[in-house]
């Protein structure tokens, strides 16, 4: 399962959602307005920025289609 940590007001989060949808990837959105989700995202990456896309054991920080594709290919 792919998890996307972000916020509703984040442009790059929306771009990441659109990209994942365009690839037909099923994902679960985790809002960082929830302190538990924010803590989990920080624990995974050490970053306090969004989006954070977790694919398998890989966390992609920011909107990075190439890194998302590499991580998706590693989970196949």
C-alpha atoms as a PDB file:
ATOM      1  CA  UNK A   1       0.000   0.000   0.000  1.00  0.00           C
ATOM      2  CA  UNK A   2       1.223   3.471  -0.904  1.00  0.00           C
ATOM      3  CA  UNK A   3       0.777   6.195   1.706  1.00  0.00           C
ATOM      4  CA  UNK A   4       0.829   9.900   0.946  1.00  0.00           C
ATOM      5  CA  UNK A   5       1.459  12.247   3.852  1.00  0.00           C
ATOM      6  CA  UNK A   6       0.386  15.794   3.106  1.00  0.00           C
ATOM      7  CA  UNK A   7      -2.171  18.523   3.574  1.00  0.00           C
ATOM      8  CA  UNK A   8      -5.240  19.665   1.655  1.00  0.00           C
ATOM      9  CA  UNK A   9      -3.723  23.089   0.978  1.00  0.00           C
ATOM     10  CA  UNK A  10      -0.410  21.823  -0.435  1.00  0.00           C
ATOM     11  CA  UNK A  11      -0.048  22.301  -4.209  1.00  0.00           C
ATOM     12  CA  UNK A  12       2.701  19.655  -4.451  1.00  0.00           C
ATOM     13  CA  UNK A  13       0.551  17.200  -2.514  1.00  0.00           C
ATOM     14  CA  UNK A  14      -2.228  17.676  -5.069  1.00  0.00           C
ATOM     15  CA  UNK A  15       0.268  17.189  -7.899  1.00  0.00           C
ATOM     16  CA  UNK A  16       1.488  13.980  -6.276  1.00  0.00           C
ATOM     17  CA  UNK A  17      -2.095  12.722  -5.878  1.00  0.00           C
ATOM     18  CA  UNK A  18      -2.813  13.532  -9.519  1.00  0.00           C
ATOM     19  CA  UNK A  19       0.365  11.762 -10.608  1.00  0.00           C
ATOM     20  CA  UNK A  20      -0.401   8.633  -8.589  1.00  0.00           C
ATOM     21  CA  UNK A  21      -3.968   8.618  -9.932  1.00  0.00           C
ATOM     22  CA  UNK A  22      -2.687   8.990 -13.513  1.00  0.00           C
ATOM     23  CA  UNK A  23      -0.517   5.886 -12.960  1.00  0.00           C
ATOM     24  CA  UNK A  24      -3.465   3.942 -11.541  1.00  0.00           C
ATOM     25  CA  UNK A  25      -1.755   3.620  -8.157  1.00  0.00           C
ATOM     26  CA  UNK A  26      -3.990   2.999  -5.170  1.00  0.00           C
ATOM     27  CA  UNK A  27      -2.900   5.034  -2.173  1.00  0.00           C
ATOM     28  CA  UNK A  28      -4.046   6.159   1.226  1.00  0.00           C
ATOM     29  CA  UNK A  29      -3.805   9.831   2.153  1.00  0.00           C
ATOM     30  CA  UNK A  30      -2.571  10.694   5.649  1.00  0.00           C
ATOM     31  CA  UNK A  31      -3.163  14.279   6.744  1.00  0.00           C
ATOM     32  CA  UNK A  32      -0.296  15.858   8.643  1.00  0.00           C
ATOM     33  CA  UNK A  33      -2.823  17.965  10.514  1.00  0.00           C
ATOM     34  CA  UNK A  34      -3.175  14.823  12.625  1.00  0.00           C
ATOM     35  CA  UNK A  35      -0.223  14.932  15.059  1.00  0.00           C
ATOM     36  CA  UNK A  36       0.257  11.145  14.868  1.00  0.00           C
ATOM     37  CA  UNK A  37       0.577  11.291  11.078  1.00  0.00           C
ATOM     38  CA  UNK A  38       2.930  14.269  11.258  1.00  0.00           C
ATOM     39  CA  UNK A  39       5.104  12.432  13.774  1.00  0.00           C
ATOM     40  CA  UNK A  40       5.146   9.273  11.632  1.00  0.00           C
ATOM     41  CA  UNK A  41       6.142  11.233   8.518  1.00  0.00           C
ATOM     42  CA  UNK A  42       8.955  12.980  10.401  1.00  0.00           C
ATOM     43  CA  UNK A  43      10.135   9.670  11.878  1.00  0.00           C
ATOM     44  CA  UNK A  44      10.290   8.115   8.405  1.00  0.00           C
ATOM     45  CA  UNK A  45      12.280  10.899   6.762  1.00  0.00           C
ATOM     46  CA  UNK A  46      13.582  13.394   9.286  1.00  0.00           C
ATOM     47  CA  UNK A  47      11.872  16.020   7.108  1.00  0.00           C
ATOM     48  CA  UNK A  48       9.098  18.415   8.036  1.00  0.00           C
ATOM     49  CA  UNK A  49       7.990  19.046   4.486  1.00  0.00           C
ATOM     50  CA  UNK A  50       5.254  17.486   2.380  1.00  0.00           C
ATOM     51  CA  UNK A  51       4.390  15.581   0.359  1.00  0.00           C
ATOM     52  CA  UNK A  52       5.993  12.413   1.615  1.00  0.00           C
ATOM     53  CA  UNK A  53       5.078   9.384  -0.454  1.00  0.00           C
ATOM     54  CA  UNK A  54       5.830   6.036   1.164  1.00  0.00           C
ATOM     55  CA  UNK A  55       6.100   3.179  -1.303  1.00  0.00           C
ATOM     56  CA  UNK A  56       7.155  -0.097   0.242  1.00  0.00           C
ATOM     57  CA  UNK A  57      10.264   0.733   2.257  1.00  0.00           C
ATOM     58  CA  UNK A  58      11.023   3.880   0.270  1.00  0.00           C
ATOM     59  CA  UNK A  59       9.963   7.388   1.287  1.00  0.00           C
ATOM     60  CA  UNK A  60       9.958  10.024  -1.449  1.00  0.00           C
ATOM     61  CA  UNK A  61      10.086  13.593  -0.158  1.00  0.00           C
ATOM     62  CA  UNK A  62       8.521  16.257  -2.346  1.00  0.00           C
ATOM     63  CA  UNK A  63       6.949  15.890  -5.769  1.00  0.00           C
ATOM     64  CA  UNK A  64       9.467  13.727  -7.619  1.00  0.00           C
ATOM     65  CA  UNK A  65       7.875  11.624 -10.375  1.00  0.00           C
ATOM     66  CA  UNK A  66      11.160   9.892 -11.243  1.00  0.00           C
ATOM     67  CA  UNK A  67      11.740   8.794  -7.638  1.00  0.00           C
ATOM     68  CA  UNK A  68       8.103   7.702  -7.338  1.00  0.00           C
ATOM     69  CA  UNK A  69       8.448   5.597 -10.495  1.00  0.00           C
ATOM     70  CA  UNK A  70      11.692   3.999  -9.248  1.00  0.00           C
ATOM     71  CA  UNK A  71      10.063   3.120  -5.919  1.00  0.00           C
ATOM     72  CA  UNK A  72       6.981   1.710  -7.656  1.00  0.00           C
ATOM     73  CA  UNK A  73       9.181  -0.420  -9.925  1.00  0.00           C
ATOM     74  CA  UNK A  74      11.039  -1.819  -6.893  1.00  0.00           C
ATOM     75  CA  UNK A  75       7.763  -3.054  -5.390  1.00  0.00           C
ATOM     76  CA  UNK A  76       6.710  -5.025  -8.476  1.00  0.00           C
END
